[in-house]
Amino acid sequence: MASREIIWSARAKFDQLKILDFYYQINGTKTYSLKLYSNFKSAVKLIGKQPEIGLKTDNVNVRNLIVGYFALFYRINEQSIENIAIWDSRQDPENLKL
């Protein structure tokens, strides 16, 4: 099976940046933010190798992979995998809009 291209949506990029910046501001150091970034990066690499690993959602072709307290939502297409959002699972799920 040929490897699919990994695409980050503008929202997923923003979500990741917002999360990393939040923990940088709270902790006053980059250490935890860098750890989270590494975890997200590892999760995306795993999704690239095994796209079906995430849990199915109600949305067609959209799955999520749990990374600590976060859910990484992604869409599987024929040629690519699109990361569409990173959601802090401690938030009210009613506010999640994909």
Protein backbone atom coordinates (compact mmCIF):
# COMPACT_ATOMS: atom_id res chain seq x y z
CA MET A 1 0.00 0.00 0.00
CA ALA A 2 1.37 3.38 -1.00
CA SER A 3 1.87 5.94 1.72
CA ARG A 4 -0.74 8.68 1.90
CA GLU A 5 0.17 12.35 2.16
CA ILE A 6 -0.50 13.90 5.58
CA ILE A 7 -2.27 17.27 5.36
CA TRP A 8 -2.90 19.63 8.28
CA SER A 9 -6.00 21.81 7.99
CA ALA A 10 -5.74 25.42 9.11
CA ARG A 11 -7.94 24.57 12.09
CA ALA A 12 -5.75 21.63 13.19
CA LYS A 13 -2.64 23.80 12.94
CA PHE A 14 -4.35 26.53 14.97
CA ASP A 15 -5.63 24.03 17.56
CA GLN A 16 -2.15 22.60 18.03
CA LEU A 17 -0.56 26.04 18.31
CA LYS A 18 -3.21 27.18 20.80
CA ILE A 19 -2.70 24.08 22.98
CA LEU A 20 1.09 24.33 22.94
CA ASP A 21 1.00 28.06 23.70
CA PHE A 22 -1.47 27.54 26.55
CA TYR A 23 0.85 25.12 28.31
CA TYR A 24 3.85 27.34 27.65
CA GLN A 25 2.03 30.29 29.26
CA ILE A 26 0.81 28.23 32.22
CA ASN A 27 4.14 26.51 32.94
CA GLY A 28 6.49 29.32 31.92
CA THR A 29 8.66 26.78 30.11
CA LYS A 30 8.58 24.94 26.78
CA THR A 31 9.24 21.51 28.31
CA TYR A 32 5.64 20.24 28.49
CA SER A 33 4.69 21.90 25.20
CA LEU A 34 7.59 20.13 23.48
CA LYS A 35 6.48 16.82 25.00
CA LEU A 36 2.93 17.36 23.72
CA TYR A 37 4.26 18.33 20.29
CA SER A 38 6.30 15.12 20.20
CA ASN A 39 3.22 13.09 21.18
CA PHE A 40 1.12 14.71 18.44
CA LYS A 41 3.89 14.10 15.91
CA SER A 42 4.16 10.42 16.91
CA ALA A 43 0.38 10.01 16.67
CA VAL A 44 0.31 11.51 13.18
CA LYS A 45 3.14 9.21 12.11
CA LEU A 46 1.17 6.22 13.45
CA ILE A 47 -1.97 7.36 11.61
CA GLY A 48 0.09 7.62 8.42
CA LYS A 49 1.15 3.98 8.79
CA GLN A 50 -2.20 2.63 9.99
CA PRO A 51 -5.03 5.02 9.07
CA GLU A 52 -7.76 2.72 10.38
CA ILE A 53 -6.34 2.79 13.93
CA GLY A 54 -8.55 5.64 15.16
CA LEU A 55 -12.09 5.32 16.42
CA LYS A 56 -14.87 5.92 13.90
CA THR A 57 -17.02 8.99 14.43
CA ASP A 58 -20.52 9.85 13.22
CA ASN A 59 -18.97 11.81 10.33
CA VAL A 60 -18.17 9.84 7.18
CA ASN A 61 -14.46 8.92 6.86
CA VAL A 62 -13.61 10.85 10.04
CA ARG A 63 -11.81 9.08 12.86
CA ASN A 64 -10.13 10.19 16.05
CA LEU A 65 -7.06 9.00 17.86
CA ILE A 66 -6.70 9.72 21.57
CA VAL A 67 -3.39 11.35 22.52
CA GLY A 68 -3.38 11.87 26.29
CA TYR A 69 -6.25 14.27 27.05
CA PHE A 70 -6.61 15.17 23.38
CA ALA A 71 -8.48 13.68 20.43
CA LEU A 72 -6.82 14.12 17.06
CA PHE A 73 -9.57 14.09 14.42
CA TYR A 74 -8.63 13.13 10.89
CA ARG A 75 -10.28 12.31 7.58
CA ILE A 76 -9.13 9.45 5.40
CA ASN A 77 -9.15 10.14 1.66
CA GLU A 78 -7.87 7.99 -1.20
CA GLN A 79 -4.65 9.98 -1.63
CA SER A 80 -4.26 11.67 1.76
CA ILE A 81 -5.02 11.84 5.44
CA GLU A 82 -6.23 15.23 6.59
CA ASN A 83 -5.81 16.23 10.23
CA ILE A 84 -8.89 18.34 10.79
CA ALA A 85 -8.87 19.20 14.51
CA ILE A 86 -7.27 18.58 17.88
CA TRP A 87 -9.79 18.61 20.70
CA ASP A 88 -9.16 18.71 24.44
CA SER A 89 -11.46 15.91 25.58
CA ARG A 90 -12.01 17.62 28.96
CA GLN A 91 -14.20 20.21 27.20
CA ASP A 92 -17.94 19.97 26.69
CA PRO A 93 -18.45 17.73 23.63
CA GLU A 94 -21.50 19.81 22.67
CA ASN A 95 -19.03 22.56 21.62
CA LEU A 96 -17.15 20.32 19.18
CA LYS A 97 -17.86 21.27 15.58
CA LEU A 98 -16.10 19.34 12.83
